[in-house]
N, C-alpha and C. Protein backbone atom coordinates (compact mmCIF):
# COMPACT_ATOMS: atom_id res chain seq x y z
N MET A 1 0.84 -1.21 0.00
CA MET A 1 0.00 0.00 0.00
C MET A 1 0.88 1.26 0.00
N LYS A 2 1.94 1.25 0.80
CA LYS A 2 2.82 2.43 0.85
C LYS A 2 3.49 2.67 -0.49
N LYS A 3 3.84 1.57 -1.20
CA LYS A 3 4.47 1.72 -2.52
C LYS A 3 3.55 2.50 -3.46
N ILE A 4 2.27 2.15 -3.45
CA ILE A 4 1.30 2.81 -4.34
C ILE A 4 1.22 4.29 -4.01
N ILE A 5 1.19 4.61 -2.72
CA ILE A 5 1.10 6.02 -2.31
C ILE A 5 2.34 6.78 -2.76
N ASN A 6 3.52 6.15 -2.62
CA ASN A 6 4.75 6.82 -3.05
C ASN A 6 4.74 7.06 -4.54
N ILE A 7 4.31 6.09 -5.32
CA ILE A 7 4.25 6.25 -6.78
C ILE A 7 3.29 7.38 -7.12
N LEU A 8 2.13 7.39 -6.48
CA LEU A 8 1.15 8.45 -6.75
C LEU A 8 1.71 9.81 -6.40
N ARG A 9 2.47 9.88 -5.30
CA ARG A 9 3.04 11.17 -4.91
C ARG A 9 4.04 11.65 -5.96
N ASP A 10 4.87 10.72 -6.46
CA ASP A 10 5.83 11.10 -7.51
C ASP A 10 5.09 11.60 -8.74
N TYR A 11 4.05 10.88 -9.15
CA TYR A 11 3.32 11.28 -10.34
C TYR A 11 2.57 12.60 -10.11
N ALA A 12 2.11 12.83 -8.90
CA ALA A 12 1.41 14.08 -8.59
C ALA A 12 2.34 15.26 -8.82
N MET A 13 3.61 15.15 -8.42
CA MET A 13 4.57 16.23 -8.63
C MET A 13 4.77 16.47 -10.12
N ILE A 14 4.89 15.38 -10.90
CA ILE A 14 5.10 15.51 -12.35
C ILE A 14 3.88 16.18 -12.99
N ILE A 15 2.68 15.71 -12.60
CA ILE A 15 1.45 16.26 -13.18
C ILE A 15 1.32 17.74 -12.81
N LEU A 16 1.63 18.07 -11.56
CA LEU A 16 1.56 19.46 -11.12
C LEU A 16 2.50 20.33 -11.95
N PHE A 17 3.71 19.81 -12.18
CA PHE A 17 4.70 20.55 -12.97
C PHE A 17 4.19 20.79 -14.39
N ILE A 18 3.61 19.74 -15.00
CA ILE A 18 3.09 19.86 -16.37
C ILE A 18 1.96 20.89 -16.40
N VAL A 19 1.06 20.83 -15.43
CA VAL A 19 -0.06 21.77 -15.37
C VAL A 19 0.47 23.20 -15.23
N MET A 20 1.49 23.38 -14.40
CA MET A 20 2.06 24.72 -14.22
C MET A 20 2.66 25.24 -15.52
N VAL A 21 3.40 24.36 -16.21
CA VAL A 21 4.03 24.77 -17.47
C VAL A 21 2.96 25.15 -18.48
N LEU A 22 1.92 24.33 -18.58
CA LEU A 22 0.84 24.62 -19.52
C LEU A 22 0.14 25.93 -19.14
N GLY A 23 -0.07 26.15 -17.85
CA GLY A 23 -0.71 27.38 -17.40
C GLY A 23 0.12 28.60 -17.76
N VAL A 24 1.42 28.52 -17.55
CA VAL A 24 2.29 29.66 -17.89
C VAL A 24 2.26 29.91 -19.39
N ALA A 25 2.30 28.84 -20.19
CA ALA A 25 2.26 29.00 -21.65
C ALA A 25 0.94 29.64 -22.07
N TYR A 26 -0.17 29.18 -21.45
CA TYR A 26 -1.49 29.70 -21.80
C TYR A 26 -1.59 31.19 -21.46
N PHE A 27 -1.12 31.56 -20.27
CA PHE A 27 -1.24 32.96 -19.87
C PHE A 27 -0.33 33.86 -20.69
N SER A 28 0.85 33.37 -21.07
CA SER A 28 1.73 34.20 -21.89
C SER A 28 1.12 34.40 -23.27
N ALA A 29 0.44 33.36 -23.78
CA ALA A 29 -0.24 33.51 -25.08
C ALA A 29 -1.37 34.53 -24.97
N LEU A 30 -2.13 34.47 -23.88
CA LEU A 30 -3.21 35.44 -23.65
C LEU A 30 -2.63 36.85 -23.59
N ASN A 31 -1.53 36.99 -22.86
CA ASN A 31 -0.90 38.29 -22.69
C ASN A 31 -0.45 38.85 -24.04
N GLU A 32 0.12 37.98 -24.89
CA GLU A 32 0.58 38.42 -26.21
C GLU A 32 -0.60 38.91 -27.04
N LYS A 33 -1.71 38.17 -26.98
CA LYS A 33 -2.91 38.58 -27.73
C LYS A 33 -3.36 39.97 -27.27
N MET A 34 -3.40 40.16 -25.95
CA MET A 34 -3.86 41.43 -25.41
C MET A 34 -2.95 42.58 -25.85
N THR A 35 -1.64 42.37 -25.75
CA THR A 35 -0.73 43.45 -26.12
C THR A 35 -0.82 43.74 -27.61
N ALA A 36 -1.07 42.70 -28.41
CA ALA A 36 -1.20 42.92 -29.85
C ALA A 36 -2.43 43.78 -30.14
N SER A 37 -3.55 43.50 -29.46
CA SER A 37 -4.75 44.30 -29.70
C SER A 37 -4.56 45.72 -29.19
N GLN A 38 -3.83 45.88 -28.09
CA GLN A 38 -3.54 47.23 -27.61
C GLN A 38 -2.68 47.99 -28.61
N ALA A 39 -1.72 47.30 -29.21
CA ALA A 39 -0.86 47.95 -30.20
C ALA A 39 -1.68 48.38 -31.40
N ASN A 40 -2.62 47.53 -31.83
CA ASN A 40 -3.49 47.89 -32.95
C ASN A 40 -4.32 49.12 -32.61
N TYR A 41 -4.83 49.16 -31.38
CA TYR A 41 -5.65 50.28 -30.93
C TYR A 41 -4.83 51.58 -30.96
N ILE A 42 -3.59 51.49 -30.45
CA ILE A 42 -2.72 52.69 -30.42
C ILE A 42 -2.40 53.13 -31.84
N ASN A 43 -2.12 52.17 -32.73
CA ASN A 43 -1.81 52.52 -34.11
C ASN A 43 -3.00 53.20 -34.77
N ALA A 44 -4.22 52.70 -34.52
CA ALA A 44 -5.41 53.30 -35.10
C ALA A 44 -5.58 54.72 -34.59
N ASN A 45 -5.37 54.93 -33.29
CA ASN A 45 -5.51 56.27 -32.72
C ASN A 45 -4.49 57.23 -33.30
N SER A 46 -3.25 56.79 -33.44
CA SER A 46 -2.22 57.69 -33.98
C SER A 46 -2.52 58.00 -35.44
N GLN A 47 -3.10 57.03 -36.16
CA GLN A 47 -3.46 57.28 -37.56
C GLN A 47 -4.55 58.35 -37.64
N ILE A 48 -5.54 58.26 -36.75
CA ILE A 48 -6.62 59.25 -36.73
C ILE A 48 -6.05 60.64 -36.41
N LEU A 49 -5.13 60.70 -35.42
CA LEU A 49 -4.52 61.98 -35.07
C LEU A 49 -3.73 62.54 -36.24
N ASN A 50 -3.02 61.69 -36.96
CA ASN A 50 -2.27 62.15 -38.13
C ASN A 50 -3.21 62.71 -39.18
N ASP A 51 -4.32 62.01 -39.43
CA ASP A 51 -5.28 62.48 -40.43
C ASP A 51 -5.84 63.84 -40.03
N LEU A 52 -6.15 64.00 -38.75
CA LEU A 52 -6.72 65.26 -38.29
C LEU A 52 -5.71 66.40 -38.40
N SER A 53 -4.47 66.13 -38.04
CA SER A 53 -3.46 67.20 -38.07
C SER A 53 -3.04 67.55 -39.51
N ASN A 54 -3.24 66.62 -40.43
CA ASN A 54 -2.87 66.90 -41.82
C ASN A 54 -3.90 67.77 -42.53
N LYS A 55 -5.12 67.82 -41.99
CA LYS A 55 -6.16 68.61 -42.65
C LYS A 55 -6.00 70.09 -42.37
């Protein structure tokens, strides 16, 4: 019985590590998406300002 618990504990650490890595990858991808949309927003605003100042 103790052997099974030890094996499960070892696998729990591995699974936890994998979940953490996947979570970090997921959040960094989300962050990249957000910053990309913010950059698009800023570019659109600067374009509008340029158009207004050129008139």
